[in-house]
Amino acid sequence: MRWNDMRISALGGTLCSLWASFSLGDVLQTVLTAAVGTLVSFATSRLLCMLVKRKR
């Protein structure tokens, strides 16, 4: 067995074991949390930008 074959086999096994440990609910919760965090961050930066422009 070549070194590349061993790495691909190890990577494939790792990915398969990780895939089995995630549930659809966990993935959806993570996506939703990331989306809410992005929106809050964007809104906060816009609000702070507007406040800074007012003070000038």
N, C-alpha and C. Protein backbone atom coordinates (compact mmCIF):
# COMPACT_ATOMS: atom_id res chain seq x y z
N MET A 1 0.84 -1.18 0.00
CA MET A 1 0.00 0.00 0.00
C MET A 1 0.89 1.25 0.00
N ARG A 2 0.57 2.18 -0.83
CA ARG A 2 1.36 3.40 -0.91
C ARG A 2 0.95 4.39 0.17
N TRP A 3 1.79 5.37 0.38
CA TRP A 3 1.55 6.38 1.41
C TRP A 3 0.27 7.17 1.10
N ASN A 4 0.06 7.54 -0.17
CA ASN A 4 -1.15 8.28 -0.55
C ASN A 4 -2.41 7.44 -0.32
N ASP A 5 -2.33 6.14 -0.61
CA ASP A 5 -3.49 5.26 -0.39
C ASP A 5 -3.84 5.19 1.09
N MET A 6 -2.83 5.16 1.93
CA MET A 6 -3.07 5.10 3.38
C MET A 6 -3.70 6.40 3.87
N ARG A 7 -3.22 7.53 3.35
CA ARG A 7 -3.80 8.81 3.76
C ARG A 7 -5.25 8.93 3.31
N ILE A 8 -5.53 8.52 2.09
CA ILE A 8 -6.90 8.58 1.57
C ILE A 8 -7.81 7.65 2.37
N SER A 9 -7.33 6.48 2.71
CA SER A 9 -8.11 5.54 3.51
C SER A 9 -8.39 6.10 4.90
N ALA A 10 -7.38 6.70 5.52
CA ALA A 10 -7.56 7.28 6.85
C ALA A 10 -8.52 8.46 6.79
N LEU A 11 -8.39 9.29 5.77
CA LEU A 11 -9.29 10.43 5.62
C LEU A 11 -10.72 9.96 5.37
N GLY A 12 -10.90 8.96 4.54
CA GLY A 12 -12.23 8.41 4.27
C GLY A 12 -12.87 7.84 5.52
N GLY A 13 -12.10 7.11 6.30
CA GLY A 13 -12.62 6.55 7.55
C GLY A 13 -13.00 7.63 8.54
N THR A 14 -12.17 8.66 8.62
CA THR A 14 -12.46 9.77 9.53
C THR A 14 -13.73 10.49 9.12
N LEU A 15 -13.88 10.76 7.82
CA LEU A 15 -15.08 11.44 7.33
C LEU A 15 -16.33 10.61 7.56
N CYS A 16 -16.24 9.32 7.35
CA CYS A 16 -17.40 8.44 7.58
C CYS A 16 -17.79 8.41 9.06
N SER A 17 -16.83 8.38 9.94
CA SER A 17 -17.16 8.35 11.36
C SER A 17 -17.71 9.70 11.82
N LEU A 18 -17.21 10.79 11.26
CA LEU A 18 -17.76 12.10 11.60
C LEU A 18 -19.18 12.26 11.06
N TRP A 19 -19.42 11.79 9.84
CA TRP A 19 -20.74 11.90 9.22
C TRP A 19 -21.79 11.17 10.07
N ALA A 20 -21.42 10.03 10.62
CA ALA A 20 -22.37 9.24 11.41
C ALA A 20 -22.66 9.89 12.75
N SER A 21 -21.77 10.74 13.23
CA SER A 21 -21.97 11.31 14.57
C SER A 21 -22.82 12.57 14.56
N PHE A 22 -23.11 13.15 13.38
CA PHE A 22 -23.93 14.36 13.29
C PHE A 22 -25.36 13.98 12.95
N SER A 23 -26.29 14.68 13.58
CA SER A 23 -27.69 14.49 13.21
C SER A 23 -28.16 15.72 12.44
N LEU A 24 -29.24 15.58 11.72
CA LEU A 24 -29.76 16.68 10.92
C LEU A 24 -30.18 17.84 11.81
N GLY A 25 -30.72 17.55 12.98
CA GLY A 25 -31.12 18.59 13.92
C GLY A 25 -29.95 19.44 14.39
N ASP A 26 -28.83 18.79 14.66
CA ASP A 26 -27.62 19.52 15.08
C ASP A 26 -27.12 20.43 13.98
N VAL A 27 -27.12 19.93 12.76
CA VAL A 27 -26.64 20.73 11.63
C VAL A 27 -27.56 21.93 11.41
N LEU A 28 -28.87 21.72 11.45
CA LEU A 28 -29.81 22.82 11.26
C LEU A 28 -29.70 23.85 12.38
N GLN A 29 -29.51 23.40 13.61
CA GLN A 29 -29.34 24.32 14.72
C GLN A 29 -28.08 25.15 14.54
N THR A 30 -27.01 24.55 14.09
CA THR A 30 -25.76 25.27 13.86
C THR A 30 -25.92 26.30 12.75
N VAL A 31 -26.59 25.92 11.67
CA VAL A 31 -26.82 26.86 10.56
C VAL A 31 -27.68 28.02 11.02
N LEU A 32 -28.73 27.75 11.77
CA LEU A 32 -29.62 28.80 12.26
C LEU A 32 -28.88 29.74 13.22
N THR A 33 -28.09 29.18 14.11
CA THR A 33 -27.32 30.01 15.05
C THR A 33 -26.32 30.89 14.30
N ALA A 34 -25.67 30.36 13.29
CA ALA A 34 -24.72 31.14 12.50
C ALA A 34 -25.43 32.26 11.75
N ALA A 35 -26.61 31.98 11.21
CA ALA A 35 -27.35 33.00 10.48
C ALA A 35 -27.81 34.12 11.41
N VAL A 36 -28.31 33.78 12.58
CA VAL A 36 -28.73 34.79 13.54
C VAL A 36 -27.53 35.62 14.01
N GLY A 37 -26.42 34.98 14.26
CA GLY A 37 -25.21 35.69 14.67
C GLY A 37 -24.73 36.65 13.60
N THR A 38 -24.82 36.24 12.35
CA THR A 38 -24.42 37.11 11.24
C THR A 38 -25.33 38.33 11.14
N LEU A 39 -26.63 38.10 11.26
CA LEU A 39 -27.58 39.22 11.19
C LEU A 39 -27.39 40.20 12.34
N VAL A 40 -27.18 39.70 13.54
CA VAL A 40 -26.97 40.57 14.70
C VAL A 40 -25.68 41.36 14.53
N SER A 41 -24.64 40.73 14.07
CA SER A 41 -23.37 41.41 13.85
C SER A 41 -23.51 42.51 12.80
N PHE A 42 -24.20 42.20 11.70
CA PHE A 42 -24.40 43.18 10.64
C PHE A 42 -25.22 44.37 11.15
N ALA A 43 -26.31 44.09 11.88
CA ALA A 43 -27.16 45.16 12.39
C ALA A 43 -26.41 46.03 13.40
N THR A 44 -25.61 45.41 14.23
CA THR A 44 -24.83 46.17 15.22
C THR A 44 -23.81 47.07 14.54
N SER A 45 -23.14 46.56 13.53
CA SER A 45 -22.14 47.39 12.85
C SER A 45 -22.80 48.56 12.11
N ARG A 46 -23.97 48.33 11.51
CA ARG A 46 -24.68 49.43 10.84
C ARG A 46 -25.14 50.47 11.85
N LEU A 47 -25.66 50.02 12.99
CA LEU A 47 -26.12 50.94 14.03
C LEU A 47 -24.96 51.78 14.56
N LEU A 48 -23.83 51.14 14.82
CA LEU A 48 -22.67 51.87 15.31
C LEU A 48 -22.15 52.86 14.26
N CYS A 49 -22.20 52.48 13.00
CA CYS A 49 -21.78 53.37 11.93
C CYS A 49 -22.68 54.60 11.87
N MET A 50 -23.98 54.39 12.02
CA MET A 50 -24.92 55.52 12.01
C MET A 50 -24.70 56.42 13.22
N LEU A 51 -24.43 55.87 14.38
CA LEU A 51 -24.19 56.67 15.58
C LEU A 51 -22.92 57.50 15.46
N VAL A 52 -21.89 56.93 14.88
CA VAL A 52 -20.62 57.65 14.72
C VAL A 52 -20.80 58.79 13.73
N LYS A 53 -21.55 58.58 12.65
CA LYS A 53 -21.77 59.63 11.66
C LYS A 53 -22.57 60.79 12.25
N ARG A 54 -23.50 60.49 13.15
CA ARG A 54 -24.30 61.54 13.78
C ARG A 54 -23.47 62.45 14.66
N LYS A 55 -22.49 61.87 15.34
CA LYS A 55 -21.68 62.66 16.29
C LYS A 55 -20.71 63.56 15.56
N ARG A 56 -20.45 63.30 14.31
CA ARG A 56 -19.46 64.13 13.57
C ARG A 56 -20.06 65.38 13.12
